[in-house]
C-alpha atoms as a PDB file:
ATOM      1  CA  UNK A   1       6.269  -0.921 -15.949  1.00  0.00           C
ATOM      2  CA  UNK A   2       7.102  -1.858 -12.435  1.00  0.00           C
ATOM      3  CA  UNK A   3       3.681  -2.726 -11.710  1.00  0.00           C
ATOM      4  CA  UNK A   4       2.523  -5.353 -14.092  1.00  0.00           C
ATOM      5  CA  UNK A   5      -1.180  -7.060 -13.746  1.00  0.00           C
ATOM      6  CA  UNK A   6       0.534 -10.117 -12.486  1.00  0.00           C
ATOM      7  CA  UNK A   7       2.332  -8.185  -9.710  1.00  0.00           C
ATOM      8  CA  UNK A   8      -1.059  -6.848  -8.648  1.00  0.00           C
ATOM      9  CA  UNK A   9      -2.570 -10.160  -8.633  1.00  0.00           C
ATOM     10  CA  UNK A  10      -0.145 -11.664  -6.601  1.00  0.00           C
ATOM     11  CA  UNK A  11      -0.456  -8.667  -3.983  1.00  0.00           C
ATOM     12  CA  UNK A  12      -4.216  -9.321  -3.927  1.00  0.00           C
ATOM     13  CA  UNK A  13      -4.101 -13.026  -3.389  1.00  0.00           C
ATOM     14  CA  UNK A  14      -1.853 -12.573  -0.822  1.00  0.00           C
ATOM     15  CA  UNK A  15      -3.237  -9.881   1.255  1.00  0.00           C
ATOM     16  CA  UNK A  16      -6.998  -9.988   0.243  1.00  0.00           C
ATOM     17  CA  UNK A  17      -9.330 -12.668  -0.334  1.00  0.00           C
ATOM     18  CA  UNK A  18      -8.507 -13.365  -3.564  1.00  0.00           C
ATOM     19  CA  UNK A  19      -6.593 -12.138  -6.606  1.00  0.00           C
ATOM     20  CA  UNK A  20      -9.694 -10.455  -8.309  1.00  0.00           C
ATOM     21  CA  UNK A  21     -11.094  -9.150  -4.702  1.00  0.00           C
ATOM     22  CA  UNK A  22      -9.154  -5.671  -5.302  1.00  0.00           C
ATOM     23  CA  UNK A  23     -12.046  -3.882  -2.919  1.00  0.00           C
ATOM     24  CA  UNK A  24     -10.383  -5.215   0.387  1.00  0.00           C
ATOM     25  CA  UNK A  25      -8.816  -3.021   3.037  1.00  0.00           C
ATOM     26  CA  UNK A  26      -5.767  -5.201   3.320  1.00  0.00           C
ATOM     27  CA  UNK A  27      -5.343  -5.595  -0.406  1.00  0.00           C
ATOM     28  CA  UNK A  28      -5.374  -2.008  -1.102  1.00  0.00           C
ATOM     29  CA  UNK A  29      -2.901  -1.049   1.882  1.00  0.00           C
ATOM     30  CA  UNK A  30      -0.524  -3.791   0.761  1.00  0.00           C
ATOM     31  CA  UNK A  31      -1.162  -2.221  -3.246  1.00  0.00           C
ATOM     32  CA  UNK A  32      -0.458   1.332  -1.684  1.00  0.00           C
ATOM     33  CA  UNK A  33       2.650  -0.081   0.284  1.00  0.00           C
ATOM     34  CA  UNK A  34       4.353  -1.726  -2.592  1.00  0.00           C
ATOM     35  CA  UNK A  35       3.901   1.426  -4.712  1.00  0.00           C
ATOM     36  CA  UNK A  36       5.045   3.710  -1.899  1.00  0.00           C
ATOM     37  CA  UNK A  37       8.345   1.610  -1.556  1.00  0.00           C
ATOM     38  CA  UNK A  38       9.239   2.050  -5.344  1.00  0.00           C
ATOM     39  CA  UNK A  39       8.257   5.728  -5.444  1.00  0.00           C
ATOM     40  CA  UNK A  40      10.855   6.146  -2.198  1.00  0.00           C
ATOM     41  CA  UNK A  41      13.310   4.190  -4.260  1.00  0.00           C
ATOM     42  CA  UNK A  42      12.794   6.295  -7.302  1.00  0.00           C
ATOM     43  CA  UNK A  43      12.898   9.661  -5.344  1.00  0.00           C
ATOM     44  CA  UNK A  44      16.217   8.559  -3.711  1.00  0.00           C
ATOM     45  CA  UNK A  45      17.908   8.719  -7.092  1.00  0.00           C
ATOM     46  CA  UNK A  46      15.949  11.767  -8.493  1.00  0.00           C
ATOM     47  CA  UNK A  47      16.019  14.179  -5.554  1.00  0.00           C
ATOM     48  CA  UNK A  48      13.992  17.027  -7.550  1.00  0.00           C
ATOM     49  CA  UNK A  49      11.325  15.105  -9.292  1.00  0.00           C
ATOM     50  CA  UNK A  50       8.654  17.078  -7.338  1.00  0.00           C
ATOM     51  CA  UNK A  51       5.580  15.857  -9.142  1.00  0.00           C
ATOM     52  CA  UNK A  52       6.795  11.942  -7.829  1.00  0.00           C
ATOM     53  CA  UNK A  53       7.354  13.555  -4.475  1.00  0.00           C
ATOM     54  CA  UNK A  54       3.727  15.021  -4.397  1.00  0.00           C
ATOM     55  CA  UNK A  55       2.267  11.672  -5.575  1.00  0.00           C
ATOM     56  CA  UNK A  56       4.090   9.916  -3.005  1.00  0.00           C
ATOM     57  CA  UNK A  57       2.566  12.205  -0.289  1.00  0.00           C
ATOM     58  CA  UNK A  58      -1.052  11.450  -1.493  1.00  0.00           C
ATOM     59  CA  UNK A  59      -0.463   7.701  -1.337  1.00  0.00           C
ATOM     60  CA  UNK A  60       0.859   7.728   1.916  1.00  0.00           C
ATOM     61  CA  UNK A  61      -2.242   9.812   3.176  1.00  0.00           C
ATOM     62  CA  UNK A  62      -4.382   7.289   1.249  1.00  0.00           C
ATOM     63  CA  UNK A  63      -2.774   4.337   3.048  1.00  0.00           C
ATOM     64  CA  UNK A  64      -3.120   6.253   6.663  1.00  0.00           C
ATOM     65  CA  UNK A  65      -6.844   6.792   5.862  1.00  0.00           C
ATOM     66  CA  UNK A  66      -7.106   3.057   5.010  1.00  0.00           C
ATOM     67  CA  UNK A  67      -5.305   2.473   8.189  1.00  0.00           C
ATOM     68  CA  UNK A  68      -7.515   4.419  10.409  1.00  0.00           C
ATOM     69  CA  UNK A  69     -10.443   2.769   8.916  1.00  0.00           C
ATOM     70  CA  UNK A  70      -9.686  -0.562   9.646  1.00  0.00           C
ATOM     71  CA  UNK A  71      -8.368   0.375  13.067  1.00  0.00           C
ATOM     72  CA  UNK A  72     -11.769   1.514  13.654  1.00  0.00           C
ATOM     73  CA  UNK A  73     -13.896  -1.021  12.019  1.00  0.00           C
ATOM     74  CA  UNK A  74     -11.562  -4.268  12.984  1.00  0.00           C
ATOM     75  CA  UNK A  75      -8.590  -3.832  15.521  1.00  0.00           C
ATOM     76  CA  UNK A  76      -7.460  -7.657  14.676  1.00  0.00           C
ATOM     77  CA  UNK A  77      -7.105  -7.177  10.903  1.00  0.00           C
ATOM     78  CA  UNK A  78      -5.552  -3.781  11.303  1.00  0.00           C
ATOM     79  CA  UNK A  79      -2.927  -5.626  13.933  1.00  0.00           C
ATOM     80  CA  UNK A  80      -2.379  -8.509  11.136  1.00  0.00           C
ATOM     81  CA  UNK A  81      -2.027  -5.999   8.137  1.00  0.00           C
ATOM     82  CA  UNK A  82       0.581  -3.724   9.851  1.00  0.00           C
ATOM     83  CA  UNK A  83       2.488  -6.824  11.035  1.00  0.00           C
ATOM     84  CA  UNK A  84       2.378  -8.500   7.998  1.00  0.00           C
ATOM     85  CA  UNK A  85       3.557  -5.633   6.071  1.00  0.00           C
ATOM     86  CA  UNK A  86       5.922  -4.318   8.965  1.00  0.00           C
ATOM     87  CA  UNK A  87       4.663  -0.852   9.361  1.00  0.00           C
ATOM     88  CA  UNK A  88       5.751   1.015  12.078  1.00  0.00           C
ATOM     89  CA  UNK A  89       2.801   2.135  13.581  1.00  0.00           C
END
């Protein structure tokens, strides 16, 4: 499995408040970004996997809505997470 409990804790510890705080927007955005990059690599090899393609599109939408929320509520946190994760927008 590509996403183990240890990997999740590492992501949340790096981008969230702590390893057990899974509710912060930054932590969820970082987790979605990790999953999006994994699914993108999978789809490069398996072009006809339409179920994974649909899941990828849904994940991108979830991440976009979280980024929009963070942009509305706290612009400095938004800019920090975009810069840290190297997102285009």
